N, C-alpha and C. Protein backbone atom coordinates (compact mmCIF):
# COMPACT_ATOMS: atom_id res chain seq x y z
N MET A 1 -27.78 -4.25 -5.49
CA MET A 1 -26.46 -4.58 -4.94
C MET A 1 -25.92 -3.34 -4.35
N THR A 2 -25.37 -3.43 -3.16
CA THR A 2 -24.79 -2.25 -2.47
C THR A 2 -23.46 -1.92 -3.07
N GLU A 3 -22.99 -0.77 -2.68
CA GLU A 3 -21.69 -0.28 -3.23
C GLU A 3 -20.55 -1.19 -2.71
N GLU A 4 -20.68 -1.68 -1.48
CA GLU A 4 -19.61 -2.56 -0.93
C GLU A 4 -19.60 -3.87 -1.64
N GLU A 5 -20.78 -4.45 -1.99
CA GLU A 5 -20.82 -5.71 -2.72
C GLU A 5 -20.27 -5.56 -4.13
N SER A 6 -20.54 -4.43 -4.79
CA SER A 6 -20.04 -4.25 -6.13
C SER A 6 -18.51 -4.13 -6.11
N GLU A 7 -17.97 -3.47 -5.09
CA GLU A 7 -16.49 -3.42 -4.98
C GLU A 7 -15.89 -4.79 -4.66
N LYS A 8 -16.53 -5.62 -3.83
CA LYS A 8 -16.02 -6.99 -3.58
C LYS A 8 -15.99 -7.82 -4.80
N ASN A 9 -17.08 -7.73 -5.58
CA ASN A 9 -17.21 -8.61 -6.75
C ASN A 9 -16.91 -7.85 -8.04
N TYR A 10 -15.79 -7.08 -8.05
CA TYR A 10 -15.48 -6.28 -9.20
C TYR A 10 -15.28 -7.11 -10.43
N SER A 11 -15.84 -6.67 -11.44
CA SER A 11 -15.64 -7.34 -12.75
C SER A 11 -15.53 -6.21 -13.78
N SER A 12 -14.42 -6.25 -14.49
CA SER A 12 -14.17 -5.11 -15.44
C SER A 12 -15.17 -5.07 -16.52
N GLY A 13 -15.48 -3.91 -16.95
CA GLY A 13 -16.38 -3.77 -18.09
C GLY A 13 -15.69 -3.72 -19.41
N LEU A 14 -14.39 -3.96 -19.38
CA LEU A 14 -13.59 -3.96 -20.63
C LEU A 14 -13.66 -5.32 -21.28
N PRO A 15 -13.55 -5.36 -22.61
CA PRO A 15 -13.60 -6.62 -23.35
C PRO A 15 -12.26 -7.29 -23.35
N GLY A 16 -12.32 -8.66 -23.50
CA GLY A 16 -11.11 -9.45 -23.80
C GLY A 16 -9.99 -9.31 -22.72
N ILE A 17 -8.80 -9.30 -23.28
CA ILE A 17 -7.59 -9.32 -22.41
C ILE A 17 -7.54 -8.04 -21.52
N LEU A 18 -8.06 -6.90 -21.96
CA LEU A 18 -7.97 -5.71 -21.14
C LEU A 18 -8.88 -5.92 -19.87
N GLY A 19 -10.05 -6.59 -20.01
CA GLY A 19 -10.85 -6.90 -18.88
C GLY A 19 -10.20 -7.89 -17.94
N VAL A 20 -9.52 -8.82 -18.42
CA VAL A 20 -8.78 -9.85 -17.61
C VAL A 20 -7.68 -9.10 -16.83
N ILE A 21 -6.91 -8.25 -17.49
CA ILE A 21 -5.87 -7.52 -16.82
C ILE A 21 -6.43 -6.65 -15.73
N ASP A 22 -7.49 -5.86 -16.07
CA ASP A 22 -8.11 -4.95 -15.09
C ASP A 22 -8.66 -5.70 -13.90
N THR A 23 -9.34 -6.84 -14.10
CA THR A 23 -9.87 -7.63 -13.00
C THR A 23 -8.73 -8.19 -12.12
N ALA A 24 -7.67 -8.68 -12.74
CA ALA A 24 -6.49 -9.22 -12.03
C ALA A 24 -5.81 -8.14 -11.17
N ILE A 25 -5.64 -6.99 -11.73
CA ILE A 25 -5.04 -5.88 -10.96
C ILE A 25 -5.91 -5.47 -9.86
N SER A 26 -7.22 -5.51 -10.04
CA SER A 26 -8.15 -5.18 -8.92
C SER A 26 -8.10 -6.12 -7.81
N LYS A 27 -7.95 -7.38 -8.06
CA LYS A 27 -7.86 -8.38 -7.02
C LYS A 27 -6.56 -8.26 -6.22
N ILE A 28 -5.47 -7.99 -6.99
CA ILE A 28 -4.16 -7.81 -6.26
C ILE A 28 -4.19 -6.53 -5.37
N GLU A 29 -4.71 -5.52 -5.90
CA GLU A 29 -4.85 -4.22 -5.10
C GLU A 29 -5.67 -4.47 -3.83
N SER A 30 -6.83 -5.17 -4.00
CA SER A 30 -7.66 -5.46 -2.82
C SER A 30 -6.89 -6.21 -1.74
N VAL A 31 -6.17 -7.22 -2.18
CA VAL A 31 -5.37 -8.00 -1.18
C VAL A 31 -4.32 -7.14 -0.57
N ILE A 32 -3.60 -6.39 -1.33
CA ILE A 32 -2.55 -5.49 -0.79
C ILE A 32 -3.09 -4.48 0.19
N LEU A 33 -4.22 -3.90 -0.16
CA LEU A 33 -4.78 -2.90 0.76
C LEU A 33 -5.33 -3.56 2.06
N ALA A 34 -6.01 -4.71 1.90
CA ALA A 34 -6.54 -5.36 3.09
C ALA A 34 -5.37 -5.83 4.00
N LEU A 35 -4.38 -6.46 3.46
CA LEU A 35 -3.25 -6.89 4.29
C LEU A 35 -2.51 -5.75 4.89
N GLY A 36 -2.34 -4.68 4.08
CA GLY A 36 -1.66 -3.53 4.63
C GLY A 36 -2.30 -2.85 5.85
N VAL A 37 -3.64 -2.74 5.74
CA VAL A 37 -4.35 -2.08 6.84
C VAL A 37 -4.39 -2.98 8.03
N LEU A 38 -4.60 -4.30 7.82
CA LEU A 38 -4.59 -5.21 8.95
C LEU A 38 -3.26 -5.35 9.59
N LEU A 39 -2.14 -5.40 8.82
CA LEU A 39 -0.81 -5.40 9.47
C LEU A 39 -0.52 -4.14 10.21
N MET A 40 -0.89 -2.97 9.59
CA MET A 40 -0.63 -1.74 10.37
C MET A 40 -1.38 -1.68 11.64
N ALA A 41 -2.66 -2.11 11.62
CA ALA A 41 -3.41 -2.16 12.86
C ALA A 41 -2.85 -3.11 13.89
N LEU A 42 -2.43 -4.27 13.43
CA LEU A 42 -1.84 -5.22 14.34
C LEU A 42 -0.47 -4.70 14.85
N ASN A 43 0.33 -4.12 14.04
CA ASN A 43 1.64 -3.53 14.48
C ASN A 43 1.39 -2.45 15.51
N THR A 44 0.45 -1.56 15.24
CA THR A 44 0.22 -0.48 16.16
C THR A 44 -0.35 -0.90 17.44
N VAL A 45 -1.33 -1.79 17.46
CA VAL A 45 -1.88 -2.36 18.68
C VAL A 45 -0.80 -3.07 19.50
N THR A 46 -0.02 -3.85 18.86
CA THR A 46 1.01 -4.65 19.49
C THR A 46 2.04 -3.71 20.15
N ASN A 47 2.37 -2.60 19.43
CA ASN A 47 3.33 -1.66 19.96
C ASN A 47 2.79 -0.94 21.19
N VAL A 48 1.52 -0.56 21.16
CA VAL A 48 0.91 0.10 22.32
C VAL A 48 0.87 -0.84 23.50
N ILE A 49 0.47 -2.07 23.29
CA ILE A 49 0.48 -3.04 24.35
C ILE A 49 1.88 -3.23 24.95
N ALA A 50 2.87 -3.36 24.09
CA ALA A 50 4.27 -3.50 24.57
C ALA A 50 4.75 -2.35 25.34
N ARG A 51 4.28 -1.11 24.89
CA ARG A 51 4.74 0.09 25.60
C ARG A 51 4.14 0.18 26.99
N PHE A 52 2.84 -0.18 27.07
CA PHE A 52 2.18 -0.01 28.39
C PHE A 52 2.37 -1.20 29.34
N VAL A 53 2.52 -2.42 28.80
CA VAL A 53 2.63 -3.58 29.64
C VAL A 53 4.13 -3.75 30.00
N PHE A 54 5.02 -3.69 28.98
CA PHE A 54 6.46 -3.99 29.21
C PHE A 54 7.33 -2.75 29.43
N GLY A 55 6.74 -1.59 29.14
CA GLY A 55 7.47 -0.34 29.30
C GLY A 55 8.43 0.02 28.18
N ASN A 56 8.44 -0.79 27.10
CA ASN A 56 9.25 -0.48 25.92
C ASN A 56 8.51 -0.65 24.71
N SER A 57 8.74 0.20 23.74
CA SER A 57 8.11 0.08 22.39
C SER A 57 8.87 -0.99 21.58
N ILE A 58 8.17 -1.45 20.53
CA ILE A 58 8.88 -2.39 19.62
C ILE A 58 9.78 -1.48 18.79
N MET A 59 11.05 -1.87 18.68
CA MET A 59 12.09 -1.03 18.06
C MET A 59 11.76 -0.73 16.59
N PHE A 60 11.22 -1.66 15.89
CA PHE A 60 11.02 -1.44 14.39
C PHE A 60 9.65 -1.05 14.03
N SER A 61 8.73 -0.83 15.04
CA SER A 61 7.33 -0.59 14.75
C SER A 61 7.09 0.62 13.85
N GLY A 62 7.79 1.74 14.12
CA GLY A 62 7.65 2.99 13.38
C GLY A 62 8.04 2.77 11.93
N GLU A 63 9.17 2.04 11.76
CA GLU A 63 9.63 1.81 10.40
C GLU A 63 8.67 0.93 9.61
N LEU A 64 8.15 -0.14 10.31
CA LEU A 64 7.20 -1.02 9.66
C LEU A 64 5.90 -0.19 9.24
N ASN A 65 5.41 0.67 10.14
CA ASN A 65 4.23 1.45 9.75
C ASN A 65 4.56 2.38 8.63
N ARG A 66 5.72 2.93 8.53
CA ARG A 66 6.15 3.78 7.41
C ARG A 66 6.06 3.00 6.13
N ILE A 67 6.60 1.79 6.13
CA ILE A 67 6.52 0.95 4.91
C ILE A 67 5.07 0.66 4.54
N LEU A 68 4.24 0.31 5.48
CA LEU A 68 2.85 -0.05 5.22
C LEU A 68 2.04 1.24 4.75
N ILE A 69 2.35 2.36 5.28
CA ILE A 69 1.69 3.62 4.83
C ILE A 69 1.98 3.88 3.35
N ILE A 70 3.27 3.75 2.98
CA ILE A 70 3.68 3.94 1.59
C ILE A 70 2.94 2.94 0.70
N MET A 71 2.92 1.66 1.13
CA MET A 71 2.27 0.60 0.38
C MET A 71 0.79 0.89 0.23
N ILE A 72 0.10 1.21 1.32
CA ILE A 72 -1.37 1.46 1.20
C ILE A 72 -1.62 2.71 0.33
N THR A 73 -0.87 3.75 0.48
CA THR A 73 -1.14 5.03 -0.26
C THR A 73 -1.02 4.71 -1.77
N PHE A 74 0.04 4.05 -2.24
CA PHE A 74 0.29 3.92 -3.60
C PHE A 74 -0.49 2.78 -4.21
N ALA A 75 -0.88 1.79 -3.41
CA ALA A 75 -1.81 0.76 -3.97
C ALA A 75 -3.21 1.38 -3.97
N GLY A 76 -3.50 2.29 -3.07
CA GLY A 76 -4.81 2.93 -2.98
C GLY A 76 -5.11 3.93 -4.08
N ILE A 77 -4.14 4.47 -4.72
CA ILE A 77 -4.45 5.48 -5.82
C ILE A 77 -5.02 4.73 -7.03
N GLY A 78 -4.53 3.55 -7.28
CA GLY A 78 -5.10 2.74 -8.38
C GLY A 78 -6.49 2.24 -8.03
N TYR A 79 -6.69 1.88 -6.78
CA TYR A 79 -7.97 1.41 -6.32
C TYR A 79 -9.04 2.57 -6.47
N ALA A 80 -8.62 3.79 -6.00
CA ALA A 80 -9.53 4.91 -6.11
C ALA A 80 -9.89 5.22 -7.55
N ALA A 81 -8.87 5.15 -8.49
CA ALA A 81 -9.15 5.39 -9.85
C ALA A 81 -10.09 4.36 -10.43
N ARG A 82 -9.91 3.10 -10.08
CA ARG A 82 -10.69 1.97 -10.62
C ARG A 82 -12.18 2.10 -10.16
N HIS A 83 -12.40 2.57 -8.96
CA HIS A 83 -13.78 2.61 -8.44
C HIS A 83 -14.36 4.03 -8.55
N GLY A 84 -13.72 4.88 -9.32
CA GLY A 84 -14.26 6.28 -9.52
C GLY A 84 -14.34 7.06 -8.22
N ARG A 85 -13.40 6.80 -7.31
CA ARG A 85 -13.42 7.51 -5.99
C ARG A 85 -12.46 8.64 -5.96
N HIS A 86 -11.96 9.12 -7.02
CA HIS A 86 -11.02 10.22 -7.03
C HIS A 86 -11.71 11.49 -6.86
N ILE A 87 -11.00 12.55 -6.49
CA ILE A 87 -11.60 13.88 -6.34
C ILE A 87 -11.90 14.42 -7.73
N ARG A 88 -13.08 15.03 -7.86
CA ARG A 88 -13.45 15.62 -9.16
C ARG A 88 -13.87 17.05 -8.87
N MET A 89 -13.42 17.92 -9.76
CA MET A 89 -13.88 19.32 -9.80
C MET A 89 -14.81 19.33 -11.01
N SER A 90 -16.11 19.23 -10.86
CA SER A 90 -16.98 18.91 -11.99
C SER A 90 -17.98 20.05 -12.34
N ALA A 91 -17.79 21.28 -11.93
CA ALA A 91 -18.78 22.31 -12.33
C ALA A 91 -18.87 22.48 -13.78
N ILE A 92 -17.82 22.64 -14.52
CA ILE A 92 -17.83 22.78 -16.00
C ILE A 92 -18.25 21.48 -16.60
N TYR A 93 -17.69 20.37 -16.14
CA TYR A 93 -18.02 19.04 -16.67
C TYR A 93 -19.50 18.77 -16.56
N ASP A 94 -20.12 19.05 -15.49
CA ASP A 94 -21.56 18.73 -15.24
C ASP A 94 -22.42 19.67 -16.12
N ALA A 95 -21.96 20.77 -16.53
CA ALA A 95 -22.73 21.74 -17.35
C ALA A 95 -22.72 21.28 -18.80
N LEU A 96 -21.85 20.37 -19.21
CA LEU A 96 -21.79 19.94 -20.61
C LEU A 96 -22.79 18.95 -20.97
N PRO A 97 -23.18 18.83 -22.19
CA PRO A 97 -24.07 17.73 -22.64
C PRO A 97 -23.22 16.42 -22.64
N VAL A 98 -23.90 15.31 -22.83
CA VAL A 98 -23.26 13.94 -22.74
C VAL A 98 -22.07 13.85 -23.64
N GLY A 99 -22.19 14.33 -24.90
CA GLY A 99 -21.10 14.25 -25.81
C GLY A 99 -19.87 15.06 -25.35
N GLY A 100 -20.10 16.21 -24.84
CA GLY A 100 -19.05 17.07 -24.27
C GLY A 100 -18.37 16.42 -23.05
N ARG A 101 -19.18 15.83 -22.21
CA ARG A 101 -18.66 15.14 -21.00
C ARG A 101 -17.77 13.97 -21.47
N LYS A 102 -18.21 13.26 -22.44
CA LYS A 102 -17.46 12.10 -22.94
C LYS A 102 -16.10 12.49 -23.50
N VAL A 103 -16.11 13.58 -24.30
CA VAL A 103 -14.84 14.09 -24.87
C VAL A 103 -13.91 14.58 -23.75
N LEU A 104 -14.48 15.28 -22.80
CA LEU A 104 -13.71 15.81 -21.72
C LEU A 104 -13.17 14.70 -20.82
N MET A 105 -14.02 13.66 -20.58
CA MET A 105 -13.53 12.51 -19.77
C MET A 105 -12.41 11.76 -20.44
N ILE A 106 -12.52 11.60 -21.75
CA ILE A 106 -11.42 10.96 -22.49
C ILE A 106 -10.14 11.78 -22.39
N GLY A 107 -10.23 13.13 -22.57
CA GLY A 107 -9.07 13.96 -22.39
C GLY A 107 -8.51 13.94 -21.00
N ILE A 108 -9.36 14.02 -20.00
CA ILE A 108 -8.94 13.97 -18.64
C ILE A 108 -8.22 12.64 -18.27
N SER A 109 -8.80 11.54 -18.78
CA SER A 109 -8.25 10.27 -18.48
C SER A 109 -6.88 10.09 -19.18
N LEU A 110 -6.76 10.49 -20.41
CA LEU A 110 -5.49 10.39 -21.15
C LEU A 110 -4.43 11.27 -20.51
N PHE A 111 -4.80 12.52 -20.16
CA PHE A 111 -3.86 13.44 -19.50
C PHE A 111 -3.41 12.90 -18.14
N THR A 112 -4.33 12.40 -17.33
CA THR A 112 -3.99 11.86 -16.06
C THR A 112 -3.12 10.63 -16.26
N SER A 113 -3.37 9.83 -17.19
CA SER A 113 -2.53 8.64 -17.47
C SER A 113 -1.07 9.06 -17.80
N LEU A 114 -0.98 10.09 -18.63
CA LEU A 114 0.35 10.62 -19.01
C LEU A 114 1.10 11.14 -17.76
N VAL A 115 0.33 11.82 -16.91
CA VAL A 115 0.98 12.39 -15.66
C VAL A 115 1.46 11.26 -14.77
N MET A 116 0.63 10.19 -14.67
CA MET A 116 1.03 9.05 -13.86
C MET A 116 2.28 8.37 -14.41
N PHE A 117 2.34 8.23 -15.77
CA PHE A 117 3.56 7.60 -16.36
C PHE A 117 4.77 8.51 -16.22
N PHE A 118 4.55 9.82 -16.26
CA PHE A 118 5.64 10.78 -16.01
C PHE A 118 6.19 10.61 -14.58
N LEU A 119 5.26 10.59 -13.58
CA LEU A 119 5.59 10.36 -12.23
C LEU A 119 6.29 8.95 -11.99
N LEU A 120 5.85 7.99 -12.76
CA LEU A 120 6.43 6.66 -12.73
C LEU A 120 7.92 6.75 -13.07
N TYR A 121 8.17 7.41 -14.16
CA TYR A 121 9.59 7.62 -14.62
C TYR A 121 10.45 8.26 -13.49
N TYR A 122 9.94 9.37 -12.96
CA TYR A 122 10.75 10.07 -11.97
C TYR A 122 10.84 9.29 -10.65
N SER A 123 9.80 8.48 -10.30
CA SER A 123 9.95 7.69 -9.08
C SER A 123 10.94 6.63 -9.26
N VAL A 124 11.13 6.04 -10.49
CA VAL A 124 12.15 5.07 -10.75
C VAL A 124 13.52 5.72 -10.65
N VAL A 125 13.67 6.93 -11.21
CA VAL A 125 14.92 7.64 -11.12
C VAL A 125 15.30 7.92 -9.65
N TYR A 126 14.32 8.30 -8.85
CA TYR A 126 14.52 8.58 -7.42
C TYR A 126 14.95 7.26 -6.71
N ILE A 127 14.36 6.15 -7.04
CA ILE A 127 14.66 4.89 -6.35
C ILE A 127 16.12 4.50 -6.78
N LEU A 128 16.44 4.67 -8.00
CA LEU A 128 17.82 4.29 -8.43
C LEU A 128 18.85 5.19 -7.69
N ASP A 129 18.50 6.47 -7.50
CA ASP A 129 19.37 7.36 -6.77
C ASP A 129 19.55 6.89 -5.28
N LEU A 130 18.41 6.47 -4.67
CA LEU A 130 18.46 5.98 -3.30
C LEU A 130 19.26 4.72 -3.26
N GLN A 131 19.13 3.84 -4.26
CA GLN A 131 19.86 2.57 -4.24
C GLN A 131 21.40 2.86 -4.34
N SER A 132 21.75 3.82 -5.12
CA SER A 132 23.21 4.16 -5.28
C SER A 132 23.83 4.66 -3.98
N LYS A 133 23.01 5.29 -3.16
CA LYS A 133 23.53 5.81 -1.88
C LYS A 133 23.69 4.73 -0.81
N GLY A 134 22.98 3.65 -0.98
CA GLY A 134 23.16 2.48 -0.02
C GLY A 134 22.66 2.68 1.40
N ARG A 135 21.78 3.58 1.60
CA ARG A 135 21.18 3.82 2.87
C ARG A 135 20.21 2.69 3.35
N VAL A 136 20.17 2.37 4.61
CA VAL A 136 19.35 1.33 5.16
C VAL A 136 18.51 1.87 6.30
N LEU A 137 17.39 1.19 6.53
CA LEU A 137 16.56 1.55 7.76
C LEU A 137 17.28 1.13 8.99
N PRO A 138 17.38 1.99 9.98
CA PRO A 138 18.21 1.64 11.17
C PRO A 138 17.80 0.45 11.94
N SER A 139 16.55 0.20 12.20
CA SER A 139 16.11 -0.95 12.94
C SER A 139 16.00 -2.26 12.12
N LEU A 140 15.35 -2.13 10.96
CA LEU A 140 15.13 -3.37 10.18
C LEU A 140 16.34 -3.72 9.31
N GLY A 141 17.20 -2.73 8.98
CA GLY A 141 18.37 -3.03 8.16
C GLY A 141 18.04 -3.24 6.69
N ILE A 142 16.83 -2.88 6.30
CA ILE A 142 16.41 -3.06 4.85
C ILE A 142 16.93 -1.80 4.15
N PRO A 143 17.42 -2.02 2.91
CA PRO A 143 17.78 -0.79 2.11
C PRO A 143 16.54 0.02 1.91
N ILE A 144 16.71 1.33 2.04
CA ILE A 144 15.56 2.30 1.93
C ILE A 144 14.85 2.24 0.57
N TRP A 145 15.60 1.97 -0.45
CA TRP A 145 14.95 2.04 -1.79
C TRP A 145 13.92 0.97 -1.93
N ILE A 146 14.05 -0.14 -1.19
CA ILE A 146 13.06 -1.19 -1.29
C ILE A 146 11.65 -0.78 -0.86
N ILE A 147 11.56 0.02 0.19
CA ILE A 147 10.28 0.39 0.67
C ILE A 147 9.60 1.37 -0.33
N TYR A 148 10.33 2.02 -1.22
CA TYR A 148 9.74 2.93 -2.17
C TYR A 148 9.39 2.26 -3.47
N VAL A 149 9.56 0.97 -3.58
CA VAL A 149 9.19 0.27 -4.81
C VAL A 149 7.70 0.33 -5.05
N TRP A 150 6.92 0.53 -3.94
CA TRP A 150 5.47 0.65 -4.07
C TRP A 150 5.10 1.88 -4.89
N VAL A 151 5.89 2.94 -4.83
CA VAL A 151 5.53 4.21 -5.51
C VAL A 151 5.44 4.04 -7.06
N PRO A 152 6.50 3.53 -7.73
CA PRO A 152 6.33 3.38 -9.18
C PRO A 152 5.25 2.33 -9.54
N MET A 153 5.10 1.28 -8.68
CA MET A 153 4.00 0.34 -8.92
C MET A 153 2.67 0.95 -8.88
N GLY A 154 2.47 1.88 -7.88
CA GLY A 154 1.20 2.55 -7.77
C GLY A 154 0.90 3.49 -8.93
N PHE A 155 2.03 4.25 -9.37
CA PHE A 155 1.84 5.13 -10.55
C PHE A 155 1.56 4.33 -11.83
N LEU A 156 2.23 3.16 -11.94
CA LEU A 156 2.00 2.35 -13.10
C LEU A 156 0.58 1.79 -13.19
N ILE A 157 0.04 1.24 -12.05
CA ILE A 157 -1.25 0.72 -11.98
C ILE A 157 -2.28 1.87 -12.24
N THR A 158 -2.07 3.02 -11.63
CA THR A 158 -2.99 4.15 -11.81
C THR A 158 -3.00 4.66 -13.24
N GLY A 159 -1.78 4.74 -13.88
CA GLY A 159 -1.66 5.10 -15.26
C GLY A 159 -2.39 4.21 -16.22
N ILE A 160 -2.21 2.89 -15.92
CA ILE A 160 -2.93 1.90 -16.72
C ILE A 160 -4.40 2.05 -16.52
N GLN A 161 -4.88 2.26 -15.26
CA GLN A 161 -6.29 2.38 -15.03
C GLN A 161 -6.88 3.58 -15.78
N TYR A 162 -6.25 4.70 -15.78
CA TYR A 162 -6.77 5.86 -16.49
C TYR A 162 -6.72 5.66 -17.99
N LEU A 163 -5.74 4.96 -18.50
CA LEU A 163 -5.68 4.62 -19.91
C LEU A 163 -6.82 3.68 -20.28
N LEU A 164 -7.11 2.71 -19.40
CA LEU A 164 -8.20 1.85 -19.64
C LEU A 164 -9.59 2.56 -19.60
N THR A 165 -9.65 3.59 -18.69
CA THR A 165 -10.86 4.37 -18.63
C THR A 165 -11.09 5.16 -19.93
N ALA A 166 -9.97 5.69 -20.50
CA ALA A 166 -10.08 6.41 -21.78
C ALA A 166 -10.56 5.43 -22.88
N ILE A 167 -9.99 4.21 -22.92
CA ILE A 167 -10.36 3.22 -23.87
C ILE A 167 -11.86 2.83 -23.70
N LYS A 168 -12.25 2.64 -22.45
CA LYS A 168 -13.69 2.30 -22.17
C LYS A 168 -14.60 3.47 -22.69
N ASN A 169 -14.23 4.70 -22.51
CA ASN A 169 -15.01 5.81 -23.01
C ASN A 169 -15.02 5.86 -24.53
N LEU A 170 -13.95 5.47 -25.11
CA LEU A 170 -13.86 5.49 -26.62
C LEU A 170 -14.75 4.37 -27.22
N THR A 171 -14.88 3.27 -26.51
CA THR A 171 -15.58 2.14 -27.07
C THR A 171 -16.99 1.91 -26.55
N SER A 172 -17.47 2.78 -25.71
CA SER A 172 -18.86 2.60 -25.16
C SER A 172 -19.71 3.81 -25.41
N ARG A 173 -20.95 3.60 -25.27
CA ARG A 173 -21.92 4.63 -25.49
C ARG A 173 -22.05 5.61 -24.34
N ASP A 174 -21.98 5.07 -23.13
CA ASP A 174 -22.08 5.92 -21.92
C ASP A 174 -20.73 6.57 -21.57
N VAL A 175 -20.86 7.56 -20.56
CA VAL A 175 -19.59 8.14 -20.11
C VAL A 175 -19.23 7.42 -18.79
N TYR A 176 -17.93 7.04 -18.73
CA TYR A 176 -17.47 6.27 -17.61
C TYR A 176 -16.42 7.09 -16.79
N LEU A 177 -16.54 7.06 -15.48
CA LEU A 177 -15.51 7.69 -14.67
C LEU A 177 -14.35 6.73 -14.44
N SER A 178 -14.60 5.43 -14.54
CA SER A 178 -13.58 4.41 -14.56
C SER A 178 -14.13 3.30 -15.36
N THR A 179 -13.37 2.18 -15.46
CA THR A 179 -13.85 1.12 -16.35
C THR A 179 -15.15 0.49 -15.90
N GLY A 180 -15.49 0.62 -14.63
CA GLY A 180 -16.69 -0.02 -14.14
C GLY A 180 -17.72 0.98 -13.54
N VAL A 181 -17.45 2.23 -13.58
CA VAL A 181 -18.30 3.21 -12.91
C VAL A 181 -18.88 4.23 -13.99
N VAL A 182 -20.12 4.09 -14.23
CA VAL A 182 -20.83 4.96 -15.17
C VAL A 182 -20.98 6.36 -14.51
N ASP A 183 -20.80 7.46 -15.28
CA ASP A 183 -21.01 8.75 -14.74
C ASP A 183 -22.44 9.01 -14.37
N GLY A 184 -22.64 9.69 -13.25
CA GLY A 184 -24.00 10.01 -12.80
C GLY A 184 -24.03 10.15 -11.30
N TYR A 185 -25.10 10.68 -10.85
CA TYR A 185 -25.33 10.87 -9.42
C TYR A 185 -26.43 9.93 -8.95
N LYS A 186 -26.20 9.41 -7.78
CA LYS A 186 -27.33 8.60 -7.16
C LYS A 186 -28.35 9.47 -6.49
N ASP A 187 -29.59 9.13 -6.66
CA ASP A 187 -30.62 9.90 -6.00
C ASP A 187 -30.82 9.26 -4.63
N THR A 188 -30.61 10.01 -3.59
CA THR A 188 -30.81 9.50 -2.29
C THR A 188 -32.17 9.96 -1.77
N GLU A 189 -33.01 9.04 -1.37
CA GLU A 189 -34.31 9.45 -0.84
C GLU A 189 -34.21 9.56 0.70
N THR A 190 -34.72 10.66 1.15
CA THR A 190 -34.73 10.84 2.64
C THR A 190 -36.02 10.36 3.19
N GLU A 191 -35.98 9.64 4.26
CA GLU A 191 -37.17 9.13 4.89
C GLU A 191 -37.73 10.16 5.81
N VAL A 192 -39.07 10.27 5.84
CA VAL A 192 -39.76 11.27 6.66
C VAL A 192 -40.19 10.64 7.92
């Protein structure tokens, strides 16, 4: 099975209700990311056509893309964590034996989860501050705080994902980068 097929057919490696939650969040993230990218592409192409054919840009196009970029970014951090696609500085980690890597991965996952929950708290505080100011987007007329709701949602999902990764590492024999990605490198054969 290719990497793309495994991402399409994601099934959590966690047992019971944790696996159900993980799989459900994965499906929601996939839909959000796909719709976000498609809508941003459609909006951008439509705006370019409007600018060159009719001589005027669509008034709200920039604001809509701003909303979609925020949505894609913060839905994408959970997706990256789930599929083990996050940036890793692994020189020390790779030098450790399996037991050491497992302990370090549990620590990294728990610490990252705490950081995500910390950022979740401050993003909610920021949104409440924006809400109290009553600012709105000029073209769409939407309150600005609404477009930032994706930020705490992204931090929440990512925090949960890293917490689930720590649980997976605590309950399994192998070392996992995420709930469904076992630590290791793929051997790529070069054709002569």
